[in-house]
Amino acid sequence: GVTPDFIRLSIGLEDVNDLIDDLKQALDKI
């Protein structure tokens, strides 16, 4: 089954990807 730790990890990874995308967009604007 899917454990809460796995769900938490998945959400954390998605947050990291969002942060990376935001950084890339910010760098493109410079």
PDB file of N, CA and C in Angstrom:
ATOM      1  N   GLY A   1       0.818  -1.210   0.000  1.00  0.00           N
ATOM      2  CA  GLY A   1       0.000   0.000   0.000  1.00  0.00           C
ATOM      3  C   GLY A   1       0.853   1.261   0.000  1.00  0.00           C
ATOM      4  N   VAL A   2       0.178   2.391  -0.012  1.00  0.00           N
ATOM      5  CA  VAL A   2       0.880   3.678   0.007  1.00  0.00           C
ATOM      6  C   VAL A   2       0.918   4.195   1.439  1.00  0.00           C
ATOM      7  N   THR A   3       2.111   4.452   1.932  1.00  0.00           N
ATOM      8  CA  THR A   3       2.257   4.928   3.310  1.00  0.00           C
ATOM      9  C   THR A   3       2.257   6.449   3.354  1.00  0.00           C
ATOM     10  N   PRO A   4       1.910   7.032   4.491  1.00  0.00           N
ATOM     11  CA  PRO A   4       1.944   8.496   4.637  1.00  0.00           C
ATOM     12  C   PRO A   4       3.328   9.056   4.313  1.00  0.00           C
ATOM     13  N   ASP A   5       4.385   8.317   4.672  1.00  0.00           N
ATOM     14  CA  ASP A   5       5.737   8.800   4.373  1.00  0.00           C
ATOM     15  C   ASP A   5       5.934   8.923   2.867  1.00  0.00           C
ATOM     16  N   PHE A   6       5.423   7.946   2.114  1.00  0.00           N
ATOM     17  CA  PHE A   6       5.558   7.982   0.656  1.00  0.00           C
ATOM     18  C   PHE A   6       4.820   9.182   0.085  1.00  0.00           C
ATOM     19  N   ILE A   7       3.609   9.424   0.601  1.00  0.00           N
ATOM     20  CA  ILE A   7       2.821  10.565   0.130  1.00  0.00           C
ATOM     21  C   ILE A   7       3.550  11.866   0.445  1.00  0.00           C
ATOM     22  N   ARG A   8       4.102  11.943   1.654  1.00  0.00           N
ATOM     23  CA  ARG A   8       4.813  13.156   2.064  1.00  0.00           C
ATOM     24  C   ARG A   8       6.023  13.373   1.159  1.00  0.00           C
ATOM     25  N   LEU A   9       6.721  12.289   0.821  1.00  0.00           N
ATOM     26  CA  LEU A   9       7.896  12.389  -0.044  1.00  0.00           C
ATOM     27  C   LEU A   9       7.481  12.868  -1.429  1.00  0.00           C
ATOM     28  N   SER A  10       6.391  12.307  -1.950  1.00  0.00           N
ATOM     29  CA  SER A  10       5.919  12.693  -3.282  1.00  0.00           C
ATOM     30  C   SER A  10       5.566  14.175  -3.321  1.00  0.00           C
ATOM     31  N   ILE A  11       4.876  14.645  -2.285  1.00  0.00           N
ATOM     32  CA  ILE A  11       4.500  16.057  -2.228  1.00  0.00           C
ATOM     33  C   ILE A  11       5.755  16.916  -2.140  1.00  0.00           C
ATOM     34  N   GLY A  12       6.732  16.470  -1.360  1.00  0.00           N
ATOM     35  CA  GLY A  12       7.981  17.217  -1.217  1.00  0.00           C
ATOM     36  C   GLY A  12       8.696  17.328  -2.553  1.00  0.00           C
ATOM     37  N   LEU A  13       8.721  16.233  -3.308  1.00  0.00           N
ATOM     38  CA  LEU A  13       9.395  16.260  -4.599  1.00  0.00           C
ATOM     39  C   LEU A  13       8.680  17.207  -5.552  1.00  0.00           C
ATOM     40  N   GLU A  14       7.355  17.218  -5.515  1.00  0.00           N
ATOM     41  CA  GLU A  14       6.607  18.128  -6.383  1.00  0.00           C
ATOM     42  C   GLU A  14       6.918  19.573  -6.016  1.00  0.00           C
ATOM     43  N   ASP A  15       7.027  19.847  -4.715  1.00  0.00           N
ATOM     44  CA  ASP A  15       7.333  21.205  -4.278  1.00  0.00           C
ATOM     45  C   ASP A  15       8.704  21.617  -4.793  1.00  0.00           C
ATOM     46  N   VAL A  16       9.668  20.697  -4.744  1.00  0.00           N
ATOM     47  CA  VAL A  16      11.018  21.010  -5.216  1.00  0.00           C
ATOM     48  C   VAL A  16      10.988  21.334  -6.703  1.00  0.00           C
ATOM     49  N   ASN A  17      10.260  20.540  -7.476  1.00  0.00           N
ATOM     50  CA  ASN A  17      10.171  20.790  -8.916  1.00  0.00           C
ATOM     51  C   ASN A  17       9.538  22.148  -9.188  1.00  0.00           C
ATOM     52  N   ASP A  18       8.529  22.513  -8.414  1.00  0.00           N
ATOM     53  CA  ASP A  18       7.883  23.815  -8.592  1.00  0.00           C
ATOM     54  C   ASP A  18       8.868  24.930  -8.286  1.00  0.00           C
ATOM     55  N   LEU A  19       9.678  24.747  -7.229  1.00  0.00           N
ATOM     56  CA  LEU A  19      10.655  25.769  -6.864  1.00  0.00           C
ATOM     57  C   LEU A  19      11.689  25.918  -7.968  1.00  0.00           C
ATOM     58  N   ILE A  20      12.135  24.799  -8.539  1.00  0.00           N
ATOM     59  CA  ILE A  20      13.128  24.846  -9.615  1.00  0.00           C
ATOM     60  C   ILE A  20      12.545  25.573 -10.823  1.00  0.00           C
ATOM     61  N   ASP A  21      11.295  25.276 -11.167  1.00  0.00           N
ATOM     62  CA  ASP A  21      10.652  25.949 -12.300  1.00  0.00           C
ATOM     63  C   ASP A  21      10.559  27.450 -12.042  1.00  0.00           C
ATOM     64  N   ASP A  22      10.217  27.826 -10.812  1.00  0.00           N
ATOM     65  CA  ASP A  22      10.113  29.246 -10.474  1.00  0.00           C
ATOM     66  C   ASP A  22      11.471  29.915 -10.618  1.00  0.00           C
ATOM     67  N   LEU A  23      12.535  29.235 -10.172  1.00  0.00           N
ATOM     68  CA  LEU A  23      13.877  29.809 -10.273  1.00  0.00           C
ATOM     69  C   LEU A  23      14.263  29.984 -11.740  1.00  0.00           C
ATOM     70  N   LYS A  24      13.949  28.993 -12.575  1.00  0.00           N
ATOM     71  CA  LYS A  24      14.284  29.083 -13.999  1.00  0.00           C
ATOM     72  C   LYS A  24      13.569  30.266 -14.637  1.00  0.00           C
ATOM     73  N   GLN A  25      12.290  30.450 -14.303  1.00  0.00           N
ATOM     74  CA  GLN A  25      11.528  31.563 -14.870  1.00  0.00           C
ATOM     75  C   GLN A  25      12.108  32.891 -14.397  1.00  0.00           C
ATOM     76  N   ALA A  26      12.508  32.950 -13.134  1.00  0.00           N
ATOM     77  CA  ALA A  26      13.075  34.184 -12.592  1.00  0.00           C
ATOM     78  C   ALA A  26      14.390  34.500 -13.298  1.00  0.00           C
ATOM     79  N   LEU A  27      15.204  33.484 -13.544  1.00  0.00           N
ATOM     80  CA  LEU A  27      16.487  33.705 -14.212  1.00  0.00           C
ATOM     81  C   LEU A  27      16.266  34.152 -15.654  1.00  0.00           C
ATOM     82  N   ASP A  28      15.239  33.632 -16.300  1.00  0.00           N
ATOM     83  CA  ASP A  28      14.960  34.021 -17.684  1.00  0.00           C
ATOM     84  C   ASP A  28      14.590  35.499 -17.776  1.00  0.00           C
ATOM     85  N   LYS A  29      14.022  36.049 -16.714  1.00  0.00           N
ATOM     86  CA  LYS A  29      13.583  37.448 -16.735  1.00  0.00           C
ATOM     87  C   LYS A  29      14.738  38.410 -16.507  1.00  0.00           C
ATOM     88  N   ILE A  30      15.847  37.908 -15.992  1.00  0.00           N
ATOM     89  CA  ILE A  30      16.981  38.799 -15.690  1.00  0.00           C
ATOM     90  C   ILE A  30      17.650  39.234 -16.989  1.00  0.00           C
TER      91      ILE A  30
END
